[in-house]
N, C-alpha and C. Protein backbone atom coordinates (compact mmCIF):
# COMPACT_ATOMS: atom_id res chain seq x y z
N MET A 1 44.78 7.90 -24.77
CA MET A 1 43.42 7.56 -25.10
C MET A 1 42.55 7.49 -23.84
N ARG A 2 43.12 6.81 -22.82
CA ARG A 2 42.37 6.67 -21.58
C ARG A 2 42.09 8.03 -20.94
N SER A 3 43.09 8.93 -20.95
CA SER A 3 42.88 10.26 -20.37
C SER A 3 41.87 11.07 -21.18
N THR A 4 41.80 10.85 -22.48
CA THR A 4 40.81 11.52 -23.32
C THR A 4 39.41 11.05 -22.96
N LEU A 5 39.25 9.73 -22.76
CA LEU A 5 37.95 9.19 -22.36
C LEU A 5 37.53 9.71 -21.00
N ILE A 6 38.46 9.79 -20.07
CA ILE A 6 38.15 10.30 -18.72
C ILE A 6 37.76 11.77 -18.81
N ALA A 7 38.50 12.55 -19.59
CA ALA A 7 38.17 13.97 -19.75
C ALA A 7 36.79 14.14 -20.39
N ALA A 8 36.47 13.31 -21.38
CA ALA A 8 35.16 13.38 -22.03
C ALA A 8 34.05 13.02 -21.05
N ALA A 9 34.30 12.00 -20.23
CA ALA A 9 33.30 11.58 -19.24
C ALA A 9 33.07 12.68 -18.20
N LEU A 10 34.16 13.32 -17.76
CA LEU A 10 34.02 14.42 -16.80
C LEU A 10 33.28 15.60 -17.41
N ALA A 11 33.57 15.91 -18.66
CA ALA A 11 32.88 17.01 -19.34
C ALA A 11 31.39 16.70 -19.49
N ALA A 12 31.07 15.46 -19.85
CA ALA A 12 29.66 15.06 -19.99
C ALA A 12 28.96 15.14 -18.65
N THR A 13 29.62 14.70 -17.59
CA THR A 13 29.04 14.75 -16.25
C THR A 13 28.79 16.20 -15.83
N ALA A 14 29.74 17.07 -16.11
CA ALA A 14 29.58 18.49 -15.76
C ALA A 14 28.44 19.11 -16.55
N PHE A 15 28.31 18.73 -17.84
CA PHE A 15 27.22 19.26 -18.67
C PHE A 15 25.86 18.81 -18.13
N VAL A 16 25.75 17.52 -17.80
CA VAL A 16 24.48 16.99 -17.26
C VAL A 16 24.16 17.66 -15.94
N ALA A 17 25.15 17.83 -15.08
CA ALA A 17 24.91 18.47 -13.78
C ALA A 17 24.44 19.91 -13.97
N SER A 18 25.07 20.63 -14.93
CA SER A 18 24.65 22.01 -15.13
C SER A 18 23.26 22.09 -15.74
N ALA A 19 22.89 21.11 -16.56
CA ALA A 19 21.55 21.11 -17.17
C ALA A 19 20.48 20.88 -16.12
N HIS A 20 20.84 20.23 -15.02
CA HIS A 20 19.86 19.95 -13.97
C HIS A 20 19.96 20.92 -12.81
N ALA A 21 20.77 21.94 -12.95
CA ALA A 21 20.95 22.88 -11.85
C ALA A 21 20.55 24.28 -12.27
N GLU A 22 19.39 24.40 -12.89
CA GLU A 22 18.91 25.69 -13.33
C GLU A 22 17.77 26.17 -12.44
N VAL A 23 18.01 26.13 -11.15
CA VAL A 23 16.98 26.55 -10.20
C VAL A 23 16.89 28.07 -10.19
N ALA A 24 15.70 28.57 -10.40
CA ALA A 24 15.45 30.00 -10.37
C ALA A 24 14.58 30.33 -9.16
N SER A 25 14.88 31.45 -8.53
CA SER A 25 14.11 31.90 -7.36
C SER A 25 13.17 33.02 -7.76
N TYR A 26 11.96 32.96 -7.22
CA TYR A 26 10.92 33.96 -7.50
C TYR A 26 10.32 34.42 -6.19
N SER A 27 10.00 35.71 -6.11
CA SER A 27 9.27 36.25 -4.96
C SER A 27 7.84 36.53 -5.38
N ILE A 28 6.91 36.12 -4.55
CA ILE A 28 5.50 36.32 -4.85
C ILE A 28 5.18 37.81 -4.89
N ASP A 29 4.50 38.20 -5.95
CA ASP A 29 4.08 39.59 -6.13
C ASP A 29 2.71 39.75 -5.47
N PRO A 30 2.64 40.42 -4.30
CA PRO A 30 1.36 40.51 -3.59
C PRO A 30 0.29 41.28 -4.35
N SER A 31 0.68 42.13 -5.31
CA SER A 31 -0.32 42.88 -6.06
C SER A 31 -0.94 42.06 -7.19
N HIS A 32 -0.36 40.89 -7.48
CA HIS A 32 -0.91 39.99 -8.50
C HIS A 32 -1.16 38.59 -7.94
N THR A 33 -1.22 38.50 -6.62
CA THR A 33 -1.46 37.22 -5.96
C THR A 33 -2.65 37.36 -5.03
N PHE A 34 -3.63 36.49 -5.22
CA PHE A 34 -4.84 36.53 -4.38
C PHE A 34 -5.20 35.10 -3.98
N VAL A 35 -5.43 34.93 -2.69
CA VAL A 35 -5.89 33.64 -2.18
C VAL A 35 -7.33 33.87 -1.73
N THR A 36 -8.26 33.19 -2.40
CA THR A 36 -9.68 33.38 -2.11
C THR A 36 -10.33 32.06 -1.72
N PHE A 37 -11.45 32.17 -1.03
CA PHE A 37 -12.22 30.99 -0.67
C PHE A 37 -13.68 31.20 -1.04
N GLU A 38 -14.37 30.09 -1.24
CA GLU A 38 -15.80 30.10 -1.51
C GLU A 38 -16.45 29.00 -0.69
N VAL A 39 -17.57 29.34 -0.06
CA VAL A 39 -18.33 28.35 0.70
C VAL A 39 -19.82 28.66 0.52
N SER A 40 -20.60 27.64 0.37
CA SER A 40 -22.04 27.82 0.20
C SER A 40 -22.65 28.39 1.48
N HIS A 41 -23.61 29.30 1.31
CA HIS A 41 -24.29 29.90 2.45
C HIS A 41 -25.72 29.35 2.50
N PHE A 42 -25.87 28.26 3.23
CA PHE A 42 -27.17 27.60 3.42
C PHE A 42 -27.81 27.21 2.09
N GLY A 43 -26.98 26.93 1.09
CA GLY A 43 -27.48 26.48 -0.20
C GLY A 43 -28.19 27.54 -1.02
N THR A 44 -28.05 28.81 -0.62
CA THR A 44 -28.75 29.87 -1.36
C THR A 44 -27.81 30.77 -2.15
N SER A 45 -26.62 30.99 -1.65
CA SER A 45 -25.65 31.84 -2.34
C SER A 45 -24.26 31.37 -1.94
N THR A 46 -23.25 32.05 -2.43
CA THR A 46 -21.87 31.67 -2.12
C THR A 46 -21.18 32.81 -1.40
N ASN A 47 -20.65 32.52 -0.22
CA ASN A 47 -19.83 33.49 0.50
C ASN A 47 -18.42 33.40 -0.05
N ARG A 48 -17.83 34.56 -0.31
CA ARG A 48 -16.46 34.62 -0.81
C ARG A 48 -15.64 35.57 0.05
N GLY A 49 -14.36 35.30 0.10
CA GLY A 49 -13.45 36.18 0.81
C GLY A 49 -12.03 35.95 0.33
N ARG A 50 -11.13 36.81 0.78
CA ARG A 50 -9.73 36.67 0.41
C ARG A 50 -8.85 37.12 1.57
N PHE A 51 -7.57 36.81 1.45
CA PHE A 51 -6.58 37.25 2.42
C PHE A 51 -5.76 38.36 1.77
N ASP A 52 -5.80 39.56 2.35
CA ASP A 52 -5.14 40.71 1.75
C ASP A 52 -3.64 40.74 1.97
N LYS A 53 -3.14 40.12 3.04
CA LYS A 53 -1.71 40.14 3.31
C LYS A 53 -1.14 38.74 3.14
N LYS A 54 -0.18 38.64 2.21
CA LYS A 54 0.44 37.36 1.91
C LYS A 54 1.87 37.61 1.43
N GLU A 55 2.71 36.60 1.60
CA GLU A 55 4.08 36.67 1.13
C GLU A 55 4.57 35.26 0.86
N GLY A 56 5.58 35.18 0.03
CA GLY A 56 6.10 33.85 -0.24
C GLY A 56 7.16 33.83 -1.31
N SER A 57 7.63 32.62 -1.57
CA SER A 57 8.68 32.42 -2.56
C SER A 57 8.45 31.10 -3.29
N ILE A 58 9.01 31.05 -4.48
CA ILE A 58 8.91 29.85 -5.32
C ILE A 58 10.30 29.58 -5.89
N GLN A 59 10.67 28.32 -5.94
CA GLN A 59 11.90 27.88 -6.61
C GLN A 59 11.46 26.95 -7.73
N LEU A 60 11.94 27.20 -8.93
CA LEU A 60 11.61 26.34 -10.06
C LEU A 60 12.87 25.94 -10.81
N ASP A 61 12.95 24.67 -11.16
CA ASP A 61 13.96 24.18 -12.09
C ASP A 61 13.18 23.62 -13.26
N LYS A 62 13.07 24.43 -14.32
CA LYS A 62 12.24 24.05 -15.47
C LYS A 62 12.86 22.91 -16.27
N VAL A 63 14.18 22.73 -16.17
CA VAL A 63 14.85 21.64 -16.87
C VAL A 63 14.59 20.32 -16.15
N ALA A 64 14.84 20.30 -14.84
CA ALA A 64 14.63 19.09 -14.05
C ALA A 64 13.16 18.87 -13.72
N LYS A 65 12.34 19.89 -13.98
CA LYS A 65 10.90 19.85 -13.69
C LYS A 65 10.63 19.56 -12.22
N THR A 66 11.23 20.41 -11.38
CA THR A 66 11.05 20.33 -9.93
C THR A 66 10.83 21.73 -9.39
N GLY A 67 10.44 21.80 -8.13
CA GLY A 67 10.27 23.10 -7.51
C GLY A 67 9.79 23.02 -6.09
N THR A 68 9.78 24.18 -5.44
CA THR A 68 9.26 24.31 -4.08
C THR A 68 8.44 25.58 -4.00
N VAL A 69 7.53 25.63 -3.04
CA VAL A 69 6.68 26.79 -2.82
C VAL A 69 6.57 27.03 -1.32
N ALA A 70 6.61 28.28 -0.92
CA ALA A 70 6.33 28.67 0.47
C ALA A 70 5.43 29.90 0.42
N LEU A 71 4.24 29.79 1.00
CA LEU A 71 3.27 30.88 0.99
C LEU A 71 2.72 31.05 2.39
N THR A 72 2.74 32.29 2.88
CA THR A 72 2.20 32.61 4.20
C THR A 72 1.08 33.62 4.05
N LEU A 73 -0.05 33.34 4.69
CA LEU A 73 -1.21 34.23 4.69
C LEU A 73 -1.43 34.76 6.10
N GLU A 74 -1.68 36.04 6.21
CA GLU A 74 -2.02 36.63 7.50
C GLU A 74 -3.53 36.45 7.71
N THR A 75 -3.93 35.60 8.66
CA THR A 75 -5.35 35.27 8.82
C THR A 75 -6.18 36.47 9.26
N GLY A 76 -5.56 37.42 9.95
CA GLY A 76 -6.28 38.62 10.36
C GLY A 76 -6.58 39.57 9.21
N SER A 77 -6.02 39.29 8.03
CA SER A 77 -6.24 40.16 6.87
C SER A 77 -7.40 39.65 6.00
N ILE A 78 -8.18 38.71 6.54
CA ILE A 78 -9.31 38.18 5.77
C ILE A 78 -10.27 39.32 5.41
N ASN A 79 -10.76 39.30 4.18
CA ASN A 79 -11.59 40.39 3.69
C ASN A 79 -12.73 39.81 2.86
N THR A 80 -13.94 39.97 3.38
CA THR A 80 -15.13 39.52 2.66
C THR A 80 -15.93 40.69 2.10
N GLY A 81 -15.51 41.91 2.46
CA GLY A 81 -16.25 43.09 2.08
C GLY A 81 -17.26 43.51 3.14
N THR A 82 -17.38 42.72 4.20
CA THR A 82 -18.30 43.02 5.30
C THR A 82 -17.53 42.92 6.61
N ALA A 83 -17.36 44.04 7.29
CA ALA A 83 -16.52 44.09 8.50
C ALA A 83 -17.00 43.13 9.58
N ALA A 84 -18.30 43.03 9.80
CA ALA A 84 -18.82 42.14 10.85
C ALA A 84 -18.52 40.68 10.53
N PHE A 85 -18.64 40.31 9.26
CA PHE A 85 -18.34 38.93 8.84
C PHE A 85 -16.85 38.66 8.98
N ASP A 86 -16.02 39.65 8.63
CA ASP A 86 -14.57 39.49 8.78
C ASP A 86 -14.22 39.22 10.25
N LYS A 87 -14.82 39.99 11.17
CA LYS A 87 -14.56 39.79 12.61
C LYS A 87 -14.98 38.39 13.05
N HIS A 88 -16.13 37.90 12.55
CA HIS A 88 -16.57 36.56 12.90
C HIS A 88 -15.58 35.51 12.39
N LEU A 89 -15.10 35.68 11.17
CA LEU A 89 -14.14 34.73 10.61
C LEU A 89 -12.79 34.79 11.34
N GLN A 90 -12.42 35.96 11.87
CA GLN A 90 -11.18 36.09 12.62
C GLN A 90 -11.30 35.53 14.04
N SER A 91 -12.52 35.31 14.52
CA SER A 91 -12.75 34.85 15.89
C SER A 91 -12.35 33.38 16.05
N ASP A 92 -12.44 32.91 17.30
CA ASP A 92 -12.07 31.51 17.56
C ASP A 92 -13.09 30.52 16.98
N ASN A 93 -14.19 31.00 16.43
CA ASN A 93 -15.12 30.10 15.73
C ASN A 93 -14.54 29.61 14.41
N PHE A 94 -13.64 30.41 13.82
CA PHE A 94 -13.07 30.04 12.53
C PHE A 94 -11.54 30.09 12.56
N PHE A 95 -10.93 31.20 12.15
CA PHE A 95 -9.47 31.25 11.99
C PHE A 95 -8.70 31.53 13.28
N ASN A 96 -9.38 32.00 14.33
CA ASN A 96 -8.73 32.28 15.61
C ASN A 96 -7.44 33.06 15.40
N SER A 97 -7.56 34.18 14.70
CA SER A 97 -6.41 34.98 14.28
C SER A 97 -5.55 35.49 15.43
N ALA A 98 -6.15 35.70 16.59
CA ALA A 98 -5.37 36.18 17.74
C ALA A 98 -4.35 35.13 18.18
N VAL A 99 -4.71 33.87 18.10
CA VAL A 99 -3.81 32.79 18.52
C VAL A 99 -3.00 32.24 17.35
N PHE A 100 -3.60 32.18 16.16
CA PHE A 100 -2.95 31.65 14.96
C PHE A 100 -2.95 32.72 13.87
N PRO A 101 -2.01 33.66 13.95
CA PRO A 101 -2.03 34.80 13.02
C PRO A 101 -1.64 34.47 11.58
N ALA A 102 -1.13 33.26 11.34
CA ALA A 102 -0.71 32.92 9.98
C ALA A 102 -1.15 31.51 9.60
N ALA A 103 -1.44 31.35 8.33
CA ALA A 103 -1.63 30.04 7.71
C ALA A 103 -0.48 29.89 6.73
N LYS A 104 0.08 28.67 6.65
CA LYS A 104 1.25 28.46 5.79
C LYS A 104 1.06 27.25 4.90
N PHE A 105 1.43 27.45 3.63
CA PHE A 105 1.45 26.34 2.67
C PHE A 105 2.89 26.16 2.22
N VAL A 106 3.43 24.96 2.40
CA VAL A 106 4.80 24.64 2.00
C VAL A 106 4.75 23.40 1.12
N ALA A 107 5.31 23.52 -0.08
CA ALA A 107 5.28 22.41 -1.03
C ALA A 107 6.69 22.09 -1.51
N ASN A 108 6.99 20.79 -1.56
CA ASN A 108 8.26 20.32 -2.11
C ASN A 108 8.04 19.48 -3.35
N SER A 109 6.81 19.45 -3.83
CA SER A 109 6.49 18.65 -5.01
C SER A 109 5.72 19.52 -6.01
N VAL A 110 6.40 19.86 -7.09
CA VAL A 110 5.79 20.61 -8.18
C VAL A 110 5.82 19.71 -9.40
N SER A 111 4.64 19.40 -9.94
CA SER A 111 4.55 18.51 -11.10
C SER A 111 4.35 19.33 -12.36
N PHE A 112 4.95 18.85 -13.44
CA PHE A 112 4.87 19.51 -14.73
C PHE A 112 4.15 18.62 -15.73
N ASN A 113 3.45 19.24 -16.66
CA ASN A 113 2.92 18.59 -17.85
C ASN A 113 3.61 19.30 -19.01
N HIS A 114 4.61 18.66 -19.58
CA HIS A 114 5.50 19.28 -20.56
C HIS A 114 6.22 20.44 -19.89
N ASP A 115 6.05 21.68 -20.34
CA ASP A 115 6.76 22.80 -19.73
C ASP A 115 5.88 23.64 -18.80
N LYS A 116 4.70 23.14 -18.48
CA LYS A 116 3.76 23.89 -17.63
C LYS A 116 3.59 23.18 -16.29
N VAL A 117 3.55 23.96 -15.22
CA VAL A 117 3.24 23.40 -13.90
C VAL A 117 1.79 22.92 -13.92
N SER A 118 1.55 21.68 -13.50
CA SER A 118 0.19 21.12 -13.52
C SER A 118 -0.40 20.97 -12.12
N GLU A 119 0.44 20.77 -11.12
CA GLU A 119 -0.06 20.72 -9.74
C GLU A 119 1.08 20.95 -8.77
N VAL A 120 0.69 21.35 -7.57
CA VAL A 120 1.64 21.59 -6.49
C VAL A 120 1.10 20.84 -5.27
N ALA A 121 1.90 19.95 -4.73
CA ALA A 121 1.49 19.16 -3.56
C ALA A 121 2.33 19.58 -2.36
N GLY A 122 1.64 19.85 -1.26
CA GLY A 122 2.37 20.28 -0.07
C GLY A 122 1.56 20.11 1.19
N GLN A 123 1.94 20.86 2.20
CA GLN A 123 1.32 20.79 3.52
C GLN A 123 0.76 22.17 3.88
N LEU A 124 -0.50 22.19 4.31
CA LEU A 124 -1.14 23.42 4.77
C LEU A 124 -1.23 23.37 6.29
N THR A 125 -0.66 24.39 6.93
CA THR A 125 -0.75 24.52 8.38
C THR A 125 -1.74 25.63 8.69
N LEU A 126 -2.79 25.26 9.42
CA LEU A 126 -3.88 26.16 9.77
C LEU A 126 -4.37 25.76 11.15
N LEU A 127 -4.58 26.72 12.02
CA LEU A 127 -5.04 26.46 13.39
C LEU A 127 -4.12 25.47 14.11
N GLY A 128 -2.82 25.53 13.80
CA GLY A 128 -1.85 24.67 14.47
C GLY A 128 -1.83 23.23 13.99
N GLN A 129 -2.59 22.91 12.96
CA GLN A 129 -2.62 21.55 12.42
C GLN A 129 -2.11 21.57 10.98
N THR A 130 -1.39 20.52 10.61
CA THR A 130 -0.81 20.42 9.28
C THR A 130 -1.34 19.19 8.57
N HIS A 131 -1.85 19.41 7.35
CA HIS A 131 -2.39 18.31 6.54
C HIS A 131 -2.01 18.52 5.08
N PRO A 132 -1.95 17.43 4.30
CA PRO A 132 -1.58 17.56 2.89
C PRO A 132 -2.68 18.23 2.06
N VAL A 133 -2.23 18.98 1.05
CA VAL A 133 -3.12 19.67 0.13
C VAL A 133 -2.48 19.61 -1.26
N VAL A 134 -3.29 19.35 -2.27
CA VAL A 134 -2.81 19.37 -3.66
C VAL A 134 -3.57 20.46 -4.40
N LEU A 135 -2.83 21.41 -4.96
CA LEU A 135 -3.40 22.49 -5.75
C LEU A 135 -3.23 22.14 -7.23
N LYS A 136 -4.34 22.07 -7.95
CA LYS A 136 -4.33 21.76 -9.39
C LYS A 136 -4.25 23.06 -10.17
N ALA A 137 -3.39 23.09 -11.18
CA ALA A 137 -3.24 24.27 -12.02
C ALA A 137 -4.25 24.24 -13.16
N SER A 138 -4.93 25.36 -13.36
CA SER A 138 -5.79 25.49 -14.52
C SER A 138 -5.17 26.43 -15.54
N ASN A 139 -4.04 27.03 -15.16
CA ASN A 139 -3.35 27.95 -16.03
C ASN A 139 -1.94 28.13 -15.46
N PHE A 140 -0.95 28.19 -16.32
CA PHE A 140 0.42 28.48 -15.88
C PHE A 140 1.18 29.07 -17.06
N ASN A 141 1.99 30.09 -16.78
CA ASN A 141 2.75 30.73 -17.83
C ASN A 141 3.89 31.53 -17.23
N CYS A 142 4.95 31.70 -18.00
CA CYS A 142 6.04 32.60 -17.65
C CYS A 142 6.17 33.62 -18.78
N TYR A 143 6.47 34.86 -18.43
CA TYR A 143 6.61 35.91 -19.44
C TYR A 143 7.59 36.95 -18.92
N THR A 144 8.08 37.78 -19.81
CA THR A 144 8.92 38.90 -19.41
C THR A 144 8.02 40.10 -19.16
N ASN A 145 8.00 40.55 -17.92
CA ASN A 145 7.17 41.69 -17.57
C ASN A 145 7.76 42.94 -18.22
N PRO A 146 6.97 43.66 -19.05
CA PRO A 146 7.51 44.82 -19.77
C PRO A 146 7.90 45.98 -18.87
N MET A 147 7.33 46.07 -17.69
CA MET A 147 7.67 47.17 -16.78
C MET A 147 8.86 46.81 -15.89
N LEU A 148 8.86 45.58 -15.39
CA LEU A 148 9.94 45.16 -14.49
C LEU A 148 11.18 44.69 -15.23
N LYS A 149 11.01 44.32 -16.52
CA LYS A 149 12.10 43.77 -17.33
C LYS A 149 12.67 42.50 -16.70
N ARG A 150 11.78 41.74 -16.06
CA ARG A 150 12.18 40.47 -15.44
C ARG A 150 11.14 39.41 -15.76
N GLU A 151 11.56 38.17 -15.63
CA GLU A 151 10.63 37.06 -15.85
C GLU A 151 9.64 36.98 -14.69
N VAL A 152 8.40 36.74 -15.04
CA VAL A 152 7.34 36.51 -14.06
C VAL A 152 6.67 35.19 -14.42
N CYS A 153 6.47 34.32 -13.42
CA CYS A 153 5.77 33.05 -13.63
C CYS A 153 4.57 33.01 -12.70
N GLY A 154 3.53 32.36 -13.15
CA GLY A 154 2.36 32.24 -12.29
C GLY A 154 1.23 31.51 -12.95
N GLY A 155 0.13 31.46 -12.25
CA GLY A 155 -1.05 30.77 -12.77
C GLY A 155 -2.18 30.77 -11.78
N ASP A 156 -3.20 30.01 -12.15
CA ASP A 156 -4.38 29.83 -11.30
C ASP A 156 -4.38 28.40 -10.78
N PHE A 157 -4.55 28.26 -9.47
CA PHE A 157 -4.52 26.95 -8.82
C PHE A 157 -5.74 26.84 -7.92
N GLU A 158 -6.26 25.64 -7.76
CA GLU A 158 -7.39 25.48 -6.84
C GLU A 158 -7.45 24.08 -6.25
N THR A 159 -8.19 24.00 -5.15
CA THR A 159 -8.43 22.74 -4.47
C THR A 159 -9.71 22.88 -3.66
N THR A 160 -10.19 21.78 -3.15
CA THR A 160 -11.34 21.77 -2.25
C THR A 160 -10.89 21.16 -0.92
N LEU A 161 -11.22 21.85 0.17
CA LEU A 161 -10.82 21.41 1.51
C LEU A 161 -12.04 21.05 2.34
N GLN A 162 -11.84 20.21 3.31
CA GLN A 162 -12.81 19.96 4.37
C GLN A 162 -12.27 20.72 5.58
N ARG A 163 -12.87 21.84 5.91
CA ARG A 163 -12.33 22.72 6.96
C ARG A 163 -12.24 22.03 8.31
N SER A 164 -13.12 21.08 8.56
CA SER A 164 -13.10 20.37 9.85
C SER A 164 -11.82 19.57 10.04
N GLN A 165 -11.14 19.24 8.96
CA GLN A 165 -9.88 18.50 9.06
C GLN A 165 -8.84 19.30 9.85
N TRP A 166 -8.95 20.63 9.82
CA TRP A 166 -8.05 21.50 10.56
C TRP A 166 -8.68 21.97 11.87
N GLY A 167 -9.82 21.39 12.25
CA GLY A 167 -10.48 21.75 13.50
C GLY A 167 -11.40 22.95 13.39
N MET A 168 -11.76 23.35 12.18
CA MET A 168 -12.65 24.48 11.97
C MET A 168 -14.06 23.95 11.70
N GLY A 169 -14.73 23.54 12.76
CA GLY A 169 -16.03 22.89 12.58
C GLY A 169 -17.24 23.72 12.95
N TRP A 170 -17.01 24.99 13.33
CA TRP A 170 -18.14 25.81 13.77
C TRP A 170 -19.17 25.93 12.65
N GLY A 171 -20.45 25.76 13.01
CA GLY A 171 -21.57 25.98 12.10
C GLY A 171 -21.94 24.81 11.22
N ILE A 172 -21.15 23.75 11.24
CA ILE A 172 -21.49 22.59 10.41
C ILE A 172 -22.84 22.02 10.84
N ASN A 173 -23.07 21.98 12.16
CA ASN A 173 -24.36 21.47 12.67
C ASN A 173 -25.52 22.42 12.38
N LEU A 174 -25.19 23.66 11.96
CA LEU A 174 -26.23 24.63 11.61
C LEU A 174 -26.53 24.64 10.11
N GLY A 175 -25.77 23.87 9.35
CA GLY A 175 -25.99 23.80 7.91
C GLY A 175 -24.96 24.52 7.07
N ILE A 176 -23.92 25.10 7.71
CA ILE A 176 -22.83 25.72 6.95
C ILE A 176 -21.91 24.59 6.51
N PRO A 177 -21.67 24.43 5.21
CA PRO A 177 -20.91 23.29 4.72
C PRO A 177 -19.49 23.20 5.25
N ASP A 178 -19.01 21.98 5.31
CA ASP A 178 -17.63 21.69 5.67
C ASP A 178 -16.72 21.95 4.47
N THR A 179 -17.25 21.82 3.27
CA THR A 179 -16.47 21.93 2.03
C THR A 179 -16.20 23.38 1.67
N VAL A 180 -14.94 23.68 1.41
CA VAL A 180 -14.52 25.03 1.04
C VAL A 180 -13.66 24.94 -0.22
N LYS A 181 -13.99 25.75 -1.20
CA LYS A 181 -13.16 25.84 -2.41
C LYS A 181 -12.10 26.90 -2.16
N LEU A 182 -10.86 26.56 -2.43
CA LEU A 182 -9.74 27.48 -2.26
C LEU A 182 -9.14 27.74 -3.64
N ALA A 183 -9.02 29.00 -4.01
CA ALA A 183 -8.43 29.39 -5.29
C ALA A 183 -7.23 30.29 -5.04
N VAL A 184 -6.13 29.99 -5.72
CA VAL A 184 -4.91 30.77 -5.56
C VAL A 184 -4.49 31.28 -6.93
N GLN A 185 -4.57 32.58 -7.09
CA GLN A 185 -4.07 33.27 -8.29
C GLN A 185 -2.71 33.81 -7.88
N VAL A 186 -1.66 33.39 -8.56
CA VAL A 186 -0.31 33.78 -8.12
C VAL A 186 0.55 34.21 -9.30
N GLU A 187 1.32 35.26 -9.06
CA GLU A 187 2.40 35.65 -9.97
C GLU A 187 3.62 35.94 -9.10
N ALA A 188 4.78 35.48 -9.57
CA ALA A 188 6.01 35.63 -8.81
C ALA A 188 7.11 36.14 -9.74
N VAL A 189 7.93 37.06 -9.21
CA VAL A 189 8.96 37.74 -10.00
C VAL A 189 10.31 37.09 -9.76
N LYS A 190 11.00 36.78 -10.85
CA LYS A 190 12.32 36.16 -10.76
C LYS A 190 13.29 37.11 -10.09
N GLN A 191 14.06 36.58 -9.16
CA GLN A 191 15.03 37.40 -8.39
C GLN A 191 16.42 37.28 -8.99
């Protein structure tokens, strides 16, 4: 009887452990992932841009409702649609791409609302400084991609930053706002 109880307890422990060990790895699909920013231009219009070169990975355990994210942006790949503006943003007035060629977001906290990711909390490293950032999800879904025949997960995430927190203060005294809206549209393919 005692050995039966021990065997049942071990089986239950193994079942619980396997239920919490369903970590899936995903690689960010750069053709369906865009990191964009918006900042007011002297209160008259909105300047927008994006980073064309990015890479990263996501780990999700949908059963345990945990995950991690690693996203790297090449700051020299900033694209506003205007070459002169791109060069200004790449200069030491803003992203200083020659010295800091990458911005990195690393998150070890992925929150779920039922079966959907609701926010991702992590650290953004920009201009050599690292500060916490929380990205709120406005959309999240997983589906089987009909062309790849693999699961793809992703969504729309956004936050608002104070760029001066990372030492990017150029133009604030001229009326260019410190507040920047950051939007991340991401899709990642299960590996």
